[in-house]
Amino acid sequence: MLKSESSLYKPVSRWLEDLLVSRFPTARITVVDSHNMSLSMVIQQLSFQKYFAGFAAFDIKVDITGFIVLKDRIHLVFAEVKIAEIGLADVGQILGYSRVARPYLSMLVSLNGCSAPLESILVTYGRYDILEYQKGRMIKIAKWLPNRNDIDPKSILPRGESIL
């Protein structure tokens, strides 16, 4: 039985690494459990400073951070993990992180999916704009299936999109 967010870090990290490796076969992929240190510290520890202007200001703690290392640049990937249903406050947290560091992909994953009020805001009222952190980039929300160590593709918000 999964009782804490931290119990999901390892399986979600493995899943994210597999996803990124399959989608970026020529890149070097690094995925780290970064919940207990600032993003600026993670970047320093990996010696990626030259790829992130202003990285020292990245005083944010993302649960899981992925790095897609290409020939001349690195893309960030953020995953925030929740046990409870994802609510508006959770969106606000990762929205702030994503506006600061501008990741290639930013997602919220939860054992219990999206809360009814948040789903209503997004689906019923079409307010997907609250997920946009950069032009053309939106936070993705999905339910985690612990028995499969995967996300439920039918749960992905915005509807009709894939995680990556």
N, C-alpha and C. Protein backbone atom coordinates (compact mmCIF):
# COMPACT_ATOMS: atom_id res chain seq x y z
N MET A 1 0.84 -1.19 0.00
CA MET A 1 0.00 0.00 0.00
C MET A 1 0.88 1.25 0.00
N LEU A 2 0.65 2.15 -0.91
CA LEU A 2 1.41 3.38 -1.00
C LEU A 2 0.81 4.42 -0.06
N LYS A 3 1.61 4.90 0.86
CA LYS A 3 1.08 5.80 1.88
C LYS A 3 1.64 7.21 1.81
N SER A 4 2.66 7.43 1.01
CA SER A 4 3.26 8.75 0.94
C SER A 4 3.67 9.07 -0.49
N GLU A 5 3.80 10.36 -0.74
CA GLU A 5 4.27 10.77 -2.06
C GLU A 5 5.63 10.17 -2.36
N SER A 6 6.50 10.14 -1.35
CA SER A 6 7.86 9.65 -1.57
C SER A 6 7.88 8.18 -2.01
N SER A 7 6.85 7.41 -1.67
CA SER A 7 6.81 6.02 -2.11
C SER A 7 6.55 5.92 -3.62
N LEU A 8 6.12 6.99 -4.23
CA LEU A 8 5.89 7.01 -5.68
C LEU A 8 7.08 7.52 -6.48
N TYR A 9 8.03 8.15 -5.81
CA TYR A 9 9.14 8.77 -6.55
C TYR A 9 9.90 7.77 -7.41
N LYS A 10 10.23 6.62 -6.86
CA LYS A 10 11.02 5.64 -7.62
C LYS A 10 10.25 5.08 -8.83
N PRO A 11 9.02 4.59 -8.66
CA PRO A 11 8.33 4.08 -9.86
C PRO A 11 8.02 5.15 -10.90
N VAL A 12 7.67 6.35 -10.46
CA VAL A 12 7.40 7.42 -11.42
C VAL A 12 8.68 7.83 -12.13
N SER A 13 9.79 7.86 -11.40
CA SER A 13 11.09 8.19 -12.02
C SER A 13 11.46 7.17 -13.10
N ARG A 14 11.28 5.89 -12.79
CA ARG A 14 11.59 4.83 -13.78
C ARG A 14 10.70 4.97 -15.00
N TRP A 15 9.41 5.20 -14.76
CA TRP A 15 8.48 5.36 -15.87
C TRP A 15 8.88 6.55 -16.74
N LEU A 16 9.21 7.68 -16.09
CA LEU A 16 9.58 8.88 -16.83
C LEU A 16 10.86 8.65 -17.63
N GLU A 17 11.83 8.01 -17.02
CA GLU A 17 13.08 7.72 -17.74
C GLU A 17 12.80 6.86 -18.97
N ASP A 18 12.00 5.80 -18.81
CA ASP A 18 11.67 4.93 -19.95
C ASP A 18 10.95 5.72 -21.05
N LEU A 19 10.02 6.59 -20.65
CA LEU A 19 9.29 7.41 -21.62
C LEU A 19 10.24 8.31 -22.40
N LEU A 20 11.13 8.99 -21.69
CA LEU A 20 12.05 9.93 -22.35
C LEU A 20 13.05 9.19 -23.24
N VAL A 21 13.55 8.06 -22.79
CA VAL A 21 14.48 7.27 -23.61
C VAL A 21 13.81 6.83 -24.90
N SER A 22 12.54 6.41 -24.80
CA SER A 22 11.84 5.95 -26.01
C SER A 22 11.54 7.10 -26.97
N ARG A 23 11.28 8.30 -26.43
CA ARG A 23 10.93 9.44 -27.28
C ARG A 23 12.14 10.21 -27.79
N PHE A 24 13.26 10.10 -27.09
CA PHE A 24 14.48 10.80 -27.48
C PHE A 24 15.65 9.80 -27.52
N PRO A 25 15.63 8.88 -28.50
CA PRO A 25 16.62 7.80 -28.52
C PRO A 25 18.07 8.25 -28.70
N THR A 26 18.29 9.42 -29.26
CA THR A 26 19.67 9.87 -29.46
C THR A 26 20.17 10.77 -28.33
N ALA A 27 19.29 11.10 -27.39
CA ALA A 27 19.67 11.97 -26.28
C ALA A 27 20.16 11.14 -25.10
N ARG A 28 20.91 11.79 -24.22
CA ARG A 28 21.24 11.19 -22.93
C ARG A 28 20.17 11.65 -21.96
N ILE A 29 19.58 10.71 -21.27
CA ILE A 29 18.48 11.02 -20.35
C ILE A 29 18.95 10.82 -18.91
N THR A 30 18.68 11.81 -18.09
CA THR A 30 18.96 11.73 -16.66
C THR A 30 17.67 12.11 -15.92
N VAL A 31 17.24 11.26 -15.01
CA VAL A 31 16.05 11.53 -14.20
C VAL A 31 16.45 11.37 -12.74
N VAL A 32 16.15 12.39 -11.94
CA VAL A 32 16.55 12.37 -10.52
C VAL A 32 15.37 12.69 -9.60
N ASP A 33 15.39 12.04 -8.45
CA ASP A 33 14.49 12.37 -7.36
C ASP A 33 15.05 13.65 -6.77
N SER A 34 14.38 14.75 -7.00
CA SER A 34 14.92 16.05 -6.61
C SER A 34 14.06 16.75 -5.56
N HIS A 35 13.23 16.01 -4.87
CA HIS A 35 12.28 16.62 -3.94
C HIS A 35 12.93 17.31 -2.75
N ASN A 36 14.15 16.89 -2.42
CA ASN A 36 14.79 17.43 -1.22
C ASN A 36 15.91 18.43 -1.49
N MET A 37 16.00 18.91 -2.72
CA MET A 37 17.01 19.94 -3.02
C MET A 37 16.50 20.87 -4.11
N SER A 38 17.02 22.06 -4.10
CA SER A 38 16.59 23.04 -5.09
C SER A 38 17.06 22.64 -6.49
N LEU A 39 16.32 23.08 -7.47
CA LEU A 39 16.69 22.80 -8.85
C LEU A 39 18.07 23.37 -9.16
N SER A 40 18.40 24.52 -8.61
CA SER A 40 19.73 25.10 -8.86
C SER A 40 20.83 24.17 -8.36
N MET A 41 20.60 23.52 -7.22
CA MET A 41 21.59 22.59 -6.68
C MET A 41 21.71 21.34 -7.55
N VAL A 42 20.58 20.84 -8.04
CA VAL A 42 20.59 19.67 -8.92
C VAL A 42 21.39 19.98 -10.18
N ILE A 43 21.13 21.15 -10.76
CA ILE A 43 21.85 21.56 -11.97
C ILE A 43 23.34 21.65 -11.71
N GLN A 44 23.72 22.19 -10.57
CA GLN A 44 25.15 22.28 -10.22
C GLN A 44 25.76 20.90 -10.04
N GLN A 45 25.08 20.02 -9.33
CA GLN A 45 25.61 18.68 -9.09
C GLN A 45 25.83 17.90 -10.38
N LEU A 46 25.01 18.17 -11.37
CA LEU A 46 25.15 17.49 -12.66
C LEU A 46 26.05 18.25 -13.62
N SER A 47 26.57 19.39 -13.19
CA SER A 47 27.45 20.24 -14.01
C SER A 47 26.77 20.71 -15.29
N PHE A 48 25.50 21.10 -15.17
CA PHE A 48 24.72 21.57 -16.31
C PHE A 48 24.55 23.09 -16.30
N GLN A 49 25.31 23.81 -15.49
CA GLN A 49 25.11 25.26 -15.32
C GLN A 49 25.13 26.03 -16.63
N LYS A 50 26.03 25.67 -17.54
CA LYS A 50 26.18 26.46 -18.77
C LYS A 50 24.94 26.41 -19.66
N TYR A 51 24.05 25.47 -19.42
CA TYR A 51 22.86 25.33 -20.25
C TYR A 51 21.66 26.11 -19.72
N PHE A 52 21.77 26.66 -18.51
CA PHE A 52 20.62 27.31 -17.90
C PHE A 52 21.00 28.69 -17.38
N ALA A 53 20.73 29.71 -18.19
CA ALA A 53 20.98 31.08 -17.76
C ALA A 53 20.09 31.37 -16.55
N GLY A 54 20.67 31.94 -15.55
CA GLY A 54 19.90 32.29 -14.36
C GLY A 54 19.55 31.10 -13.48
N PHE A 55 20.22 29.98 -13.66
CA PHE A 55 19.90 28.77 -12.90
C PHE A 55 20.01 28.98 -11.39
N ALA A 56 20.88 29.90 -10.96
CA ALA A 56 21.06 30.13 -9.53
C ALA A 56 19.78 30.63 -8.86
N ALA A 57 18.87 31.19 -9.65
CA ALA A 57 17.60 31.67 -9.11
C ALA A 57 16.54 30.58 -9.06
N PHE A 58 16.87 29.38 -9.52
CA PHE A 58 15.89 28.28 -9.54
C PHE A 58 15.77 27.69 -8.14
N ASP A 59 15.24 28.47 -7.22
CA ASP A 59 15.08 28.04 -5.83
C ASP A 59 13.72 27.36 -5.66
N ILE A 60 13.55 26.27 -6.42
CA ILE A 60 12.31 25.50 -6.41
C ILE A 60 12.66 24.04 -6.18
N LYS A 61 11.76 23.32 -5.57
CA LYS A 61 11.98 21.90 -5.30
C LYS A 61 10.90 21.08 -6.01
N VAL A 62 11.29 20.52 -7.12
CA VAL A 62 10.42 19.68 -7.92
C VAL A 62 10.62 18.24 -7.46
N ASP A 63 9.55 17.46 -7.36
CA ASP A 63 9.68 16.09 -6.89
C ASP A 63 10.64 15.27 -7.75
N ILE A 64 10.41 15.28 -9.05
CA ILE A 64 11.23 14.51 -9.98
C ILE A 64 11.61 15.43 -11.13
N THR A 65 12.89 15.46 -11.45
CA THR A 65 13.38 16.30 -12.54
C THR A 65 14.08 15.44 -13.57
N GLY A 66 13.70 15.62 -14.82
CA GLY A 66 14.35 14.92 -15.92
C GLY A 66 15.15 15.91 -16.75
N PHE A 67 16.22 15.40 -17.33
CA PHE A 67 17.07 16.19 -18.22
C PHE A 67 17.22 15.43 -19.52
N ILE A 68 16.84 16.07 -20.61
CA ILE A 68 17.03 15.53 -21.96
C ILE A 68 18.27 16.22 -22.50
N VAL A 69 19.37 15.50 -22.53
CA VAL A 69 20.66 16.08 -22.90
C VAL A 69 20.90 15.84 -24.39
N LEU A 70 20.84 16.93 -25.13
CA LEU A 70 21.09 16.89 -26.57
C LEU A 70 22.49 17.42 -26.84
N LYS A 71 22.86 17.49 -28.09
CA LYS A 71 24.21 17.91 -28.46
C LYS A 71 24.57 19.31 -27.93
N ASP A 72 23.67 20.26 -28.11
CA ASP A 72 23.99 21.65 -27.77
C ASP A 72 23.04 22.30 -26.76
N ARG A 73 22.13 21.50 -26.18
CA ARG A 73 21.20 22.05 -25.20
C ARG A 73 20.64 20.93 -24.33
N ILE A 74 19.97 21.36 -23.26
CA ILE A 74 19.32 20.42 -22.35
C ILE A 74 17.91 20.91 -22.09
N HIS A 75 16.96 20.00 -22.18
CA HIS A 75 15.57 20.30 -21.85
C HIS A 75 15.25 19.73 -20.48
N LEU A 76 14.49 20.50 -19.70
CA LEU A 76 14.02 20.04 -18.40
C LEU A 76 12.67 19.36 -18.53
N VAL A 77 12.42 18.42 -17.61
CA VAL A 77 11.12 17.78 -17.48
C VAL A 77 10.79 17.75 -16.00
N PHE A 78 9.60 18.22 -15.64
CA PHE A 78 9.16 18.24 -14.24
C PHE A 78 8.01 17.27 -14.03
N ALA A 79 8.06 16.56 -12.90
CA ALA A 79 6.95 15.72 -12.47
C ALA A 79 6.72 15.95 -10.98
N GLU A 80 5.54 16.44 -10.66
CA GLU A 80 5.12 16.56 -9.27
C GLU A 80 4.20 15.39 -9.00
N VAL A 81 4.40 14.75 -7.85
CA VAL A 81 3.69 13.53 -7.50
C VAL A 81 2.78 13.81 -6.31
N LYS A 82 1.56 13.35 -6.39
CA LYS A 82 0.59 13.53 -5.31
C LYS A 82 -0.09 12.20 -5.00
N ILE A 83 -0.44 12.01 -3.73
CA ILE A 83 -1.23 10.85 -3.34
C ILE A 83 -2.72 11.21 -3.45
N ALA A 84 -3.08 12.37 -2.92
CA ALA A 84 -4.46 12.83 -2.94
C ALA A 84 -4.83 13.32 -4.34
N GLU A 85 -6.11 13.61 -4.52
CA GLU A 85 -6.56 14.19 -5.79
C GLU A 85 -5.83 15.50 -6.05
N ILE A 86 -5.56 15.76 -7.30
CA ILE A 86 -4.90 17.00 -7.70
C ILE A 86 -5.92 18.13 -7.67
N GLY A 87 -5.57 19.19 -6.96
CA GLY A 87 -6.45 20.35 -6.86
C GLY A 87 -5.81 21.58 -7.46
N LEU A 88 -6.52 22.67 -7.40
CA LEU A 88 -6.05 23.93 -7.96
C LEU A 88 -4.75 24.39 -7.30
N ALA A 89 -4.59 24.17 -6.00
CA ALA A 89 -3.35 24.57 -5.32
C ALA A 89 -2.15 23.82 -5.88
N ASP A 90 -2.34 22.55 -6.24
CA ASP A 90 -1.25 21.75 -6.83
C ASP A 90 -0.87 22.30 -8.20
N VAL A 91 -1.88 22.70 -8.96
CA VAL A 91 -1.62 23.32 -10.27
C VAL A 91 -0.82 24.60 -10.07
N GLY A 92 -1.22 25.41 -9.08
CA GLY A 92 -0.52 26.66 -8.80
C GLY A 92 0.94 26.44 -8.45
N GLN A 93 1.23 25.38 -7.68
CA GLN A 93 2.60 25.07 -7.30
C GLN A 93 3.47 24.78 -8.52
N ILE A 94 3.04 23.84 -9.35
CA ILE A 94 3.88 23.47 -10.49
C ILE A 94 3.83 24.54 -11.59
N LEU A 95 2.75 25.31 -11.64
CA LEU A 95 2.69 26.41 -12.59
C LEU A 95 3.78 27.43 -12.28
N GLY A 96 3.95 27.74 -11.00
CA GLY A 96 5.02 28.66 -10.60
C GLY A 96 6.39 28.11 -10.96
N TYR A 97 6.63 26.83 -10.63
CA TYR A 97 7.91 26.20 -10.96
C TYR A 97 8.17 26.26 -12.46
N SER A 98 7.13 25.98 -13.23
CA SER A 98 7.28 25.90 -14.69
C SER A 98 7.48 27.26 -15.33
N ARG A 99 6.87 28.27 -14.77
CA ARG A 99 7.10 29.62 -15.31
C ARG A 99 8.51 30.10 -15.02
N VAL A 100 9.05 29.67 -13.90
CA VAL A 100 10.43 30.06 -13.55
C VAL A 100 11.45 29.37 -14.46
N ALA A 101 11.34 28.04 -14.58
CA ALA A 101 12.40 27.28 -15.26
C ALA A 101 12.07 26.86 -16.69
N ARG A 102 10.83 27.03 -17.13
CA ARG A 102 10.42 26.74 -18.50
C ARG A 102 10.81 25.34 -18.99
N PRO A 103 10.28 24.31 -18.36
CA PRO A 103 10.61 22.95 -18.81
C PRO A 103 9.97 22.61 -20.15
N TYR A 104 10.53 21.61 -20.78
CA TYR A 104 9.97 21.08 -22.03
C TYR A 104 8.63 20.42 -21.74
N LEU A 105 8.55 19.75 -20.58
CA LEU A 105 7.34 19.07 -20.16
C LEU A 105 7.18 19.26 -18.66
N SER A 106 5.96 19.52 -18.24
CA SER A 106 5.64 19.68 -16.82
C SER A 106 4.36 18.90 -16.56
N MET A 107 4.39 18.04 -15.53
CA MET A 107 3.23 17.21 -15.27
C MET A 107 2.94 17.03 -13.79
N LEU A 108 1.69 16.76 -13.51
CA LEU A 108 1.21 16.38 -12.19
C LEU A 108 0.66 14.98 -12.29
N VAL A 109 1.12 14.10 -11.40
CA VAL A 109 0.68 12.71 -11.41
C VAL A 109 0.14 12.39 -10.02
N SER A 110 -1.02 11.74 -9.97
CA SER A 110 -1.62 11.41 -8.67
C SER A 110 -2.25 10.03 -8.69
N LEU A 111 -2.20 9.36 -7.55
CA LEU A 111 -2.90 8.08 -7.40
C LEU A 111 -4.40 8.25 -7.56
N ASN A 112 -4.89 9.42 -7.23
CA ASN A 112 -6.33 9.65 -7.22
C ASN A 112 -6.81 10.59 -8.32
N GLY A 113 -5.94 10.89 -9.27
CA GLY A 113 -6.34 11.71 -10.40
C GLY A 113 -6.67 13.14 -10.02
N CYS A 114 -7.53 13.72 -10.78
CA CYS A 114 -7.90 15.13 -10.66
C CYS A 114 -9.14 15.27 -9.77
N SER A 115 -9.16 16.29 -8.94
CA SER A 115 -10.34 16.54 -8.10
C SER A 115 -11.51 16.97 -8.98
N ALA A 116 -12.72 16.72 -8.49
CA ALA A 116 -13.93 17.11 -9.24
C ALA A 116 -13.98 18.62 -9.50
N PRO A 117 -13.66 19.47 -8.51
CA PRO A 117 -13.70 20.91 -8.81
C PRO A 117 -12.69 21.33 -9.89
N LEU A 118 -11.48 20.78 -9.83
CA LEU A 118 -10.48 21.14 -10.85
C LEU A 118 -10.90 20.60 -12.21
N GLU A 119 -11.39 19.37 -12.25
CA GLU A 119 -11.85 18.82 -13.52
C GLU A 119 -12.99 19.65 -14.10
N SER A 120 -13.86 20.15 -13.25
CA SER A 120 -14.95 21.00 -13.70
C SER A 120 -14.42 22.29 -14.32
N ILE A 121 -13.46 22.92 -13.65
CA ILE A 121 -12.85 24.14 -14.19
C ILE A 121 -12.26 23.88 -15.57
N LEU A 122 -11.53 22.76 -15.68
CA LEU A 122 -10.83 22.46 -16.92
C LEU A 122 -11.76 21.95 -18.01
N VAL A 123 -12.54 20.91 -17.71
CA VAL A 123 -13.33 20.24 -18.73
C VAL A 123 -14.66 20.93 -18.99
N THR A 124 -15.43 21.16 -17.95
CA THR A 124 -16.75 21.75 -18.12
C THR A 124 -16.67 23.18 -18.62
N TYR A 125 -15.77 23.96 -18.01
CA TYR A 125 -15.68 25.37 -18.37
C TYR A 125 -14.56 25.68 -19.35
N GLY A 126 -13.82 24.65 -19.77
CA GLY A 126 -12.80 24.84 -20.80
C GLY A 126 -11.66 25.76 -20.43
N ARG A 127 -11.34 25.83 -19.15
CA ARG A 127 -10.32 26.77 -18.68
C ARG A 127 -8.92 26.13 -18.66
N TYR A 128 -8.55 25.51 -19.77
CA TYR A 128 -7.21 24.92 -19.87
C TYR A 128 -6.12 25.99 -19.84
N ASP A 129 -6.51 27.25 -20.03
CA ASP A 129 -5.53 28.32 -19.98
C ASP A 129 -4.81 28.39 -18.63
N ILE A 130 -5.43 27.88 -17.57
CA ILE A 130 -4.77 27.92 -16.26
C ILE A 130 -3.60 26.94 -16.18
N LEU A 131 -3.47 26.05 -17.17
CA LEU A 131 -2.37 25.09 -17.21
C LEU A 131 -1.19 25.59 -18.05
N GLU A 132 -1.38 26.70 -18.77
CA GLU A 132 -0.35 27.19 -19.69
C GLU A 132 0.75 27.93 -18.92
N TYR A 133 1.98 27.46 -19.09
CA TYR A 133 3.11 28.09 -18.42
C TYR A 133 4.05 28.77 -19.39
N GLN A 134 3.86 28.54 -20.66
CA GLN A 134 4.68 29.13 -21.72
C GLN A 134 3.86 28.97 -22.99
N LYS A 135 4.05 29.85 -23.95
CA LYS A 135 3.27 29.75 -25.18
C LYS A 135 3.44 28.36 -25.79
N GLY A 136 2.32 27.67 -25.96
CA GLY A 136 2.34 26.34 -26.55
C GLY A 136 2.68 25.21 -25.59
N ARG A 137 2.87 25.50 -24.32
CA ARG A 137 3.21 24.47 -23.33
C ARG A 137 2.23 24.51 -22.17
N MET A 138 1.65 23.34 -21.88
CA MET A 138 0.70 23.23 -20.78
C MET A 138 1.10 22.11 -19.84
N ILE A 139 0.79 22.31 -18.58
CA ILE A 139 0.97 21.26 -17.59
C ILE A 139 0.04 20.12 -17.97
N LYS A 140 0.52 18.90 -17.86
CA LYS A 140 -0.28 17.71 -18.10
C LYS A 140 -0.63 17.10 -16.74
N ILE A 141 -1.84 16.61 -16.62
CA ILE A 141 -2.33 15.99 -15.39
C ILE A 141 -2.74 14.57 -15.72
N ALA A 142 -2.34 13.60 -14.86
CA ALA A 142 -2.70 12.20 -15.12
C ALA A 142 -2.80 11.41 -13.82
N LYS A 143 -3.57 10.36 -13.89
CA LYS A 143 -3.72 9.43 -12.77
C LYS A 143 -2.65 8.35 -12.88
N TRP A 144 -2.02 8.03 -11.75
CA TRP A 144 -0.99 6.99 -11.69
C TRP A 144 -1.63 5.66 -11.34
N LEU A 145 -1.26 4.63 -12.08
CA LEU A 145 -1.77 3.28 -11.83
C LEU A 145 -0.64 2.44 -11.21
N PRO A 146 -0.63 2.28 -9.88
CA PRO A 146 0.48 1.60 -9.22
C PRO A 146 0.62 0.13 -9.61
N ASN A 147 -0.49 -0.52 -9.96
CA ASN A 147 -0.41 -1.92 -10.35
C ASN A 147 0.26 -2.11 -11.71
N ARG A 148 0.30 -1.04 -12.51
CA ARG A 148 0.96 -1.09 -13.83
C ARG A 148 2.23 -0.26 -13.89
N ASN A 149 2.49 0.54 -12.83
CA ASN A 149 3.61 1.49 -12.85
C ASN A 149 3.58 2.33 -14.12
N ASP A 150 2.42 2.91 -14.36
CA ASP A 150 2.18 3.69 -15.57
C ASP A 150 1.06 4.68 -15.29
N ILE A 151 0.90 5.62 -16.17
CA ILE A 151 -0.23 6.53 -16.06
C ILE A 151 -1.42 5.93 -16.81
N ASP A 152 -2.60 6.38 -16.45
CA ASP A 152 -3.81 5.99 -17.15
C ASP A 152 -3.97 6.95 -18.33
N PRO A 153 -3.78 6.49 -19.56
CA PRO A 153 -3.85 7.41 -20.70
C PRO A 153 -5.22 8.07 -20.86
N LYS A 154 -6.28 7.43 -20.36
CA LYS A 154 -7.63 8.01 -20.46
C LYS A 154 -7.83 9.16 -19.48
N SER A 155 -6.94 9.27 -18.49
CA SER A 155 -7.11 10.31 -17.46
C SER A 155 -6.38 11.61 -17.79
N ILE A 156 -5.61 11.63 -18.86
CA ILE A 156 -4.76 12.78 -19.16
C ILE A 156 -5.60 14.03 -19.45
N LEU A 157 -5.22 15.09 -18.77
CA LEU A 157 -5.78 16.42 -19.03
C LEU A 157 -4.63 17.31 -19.47
N PRO A 158 -4.80 18.16 -20.45
CA PRO A 158 -5.97 18.40 -21.27
C PRO A 158 -6.39 17.16 -22.06
N ARG A 159 -7.70 16.97 -22.18
CA ARG A 159 -8.28 15.84 -22.91
C ARG A 159 -7.74 15.81 -24.34
N GLY A 160 -7.55 14.58 -24.82
CA GLY A 160 -7.13 14.39 -26.19
C GLY A 160 -5.63 14.55 -26.44
N GLU A 161 -4.88 14.87 -25.39
CA GLU A 161 -3.44 15.02 -25.53
C GLU A 161 -2.72 13.83 -24.91
N SER A 162 -1.48 13.63 -25.33
CA SER A 162 -0.65 12.61 -24.70
C SER A 162 0.26 13.33 -23.69
N ILE A 163 0.92 12.56 -22.87
CA ILE A 163 1.82 13.17 -21.89
C ILE A 163 2.95 13.90 -22.61
N LEU A 164 3.50 13.29 -23.64
CA LEU A 164 4.65 13.90 -24.33
C LEU A 164 4.36 14.06 -25.80
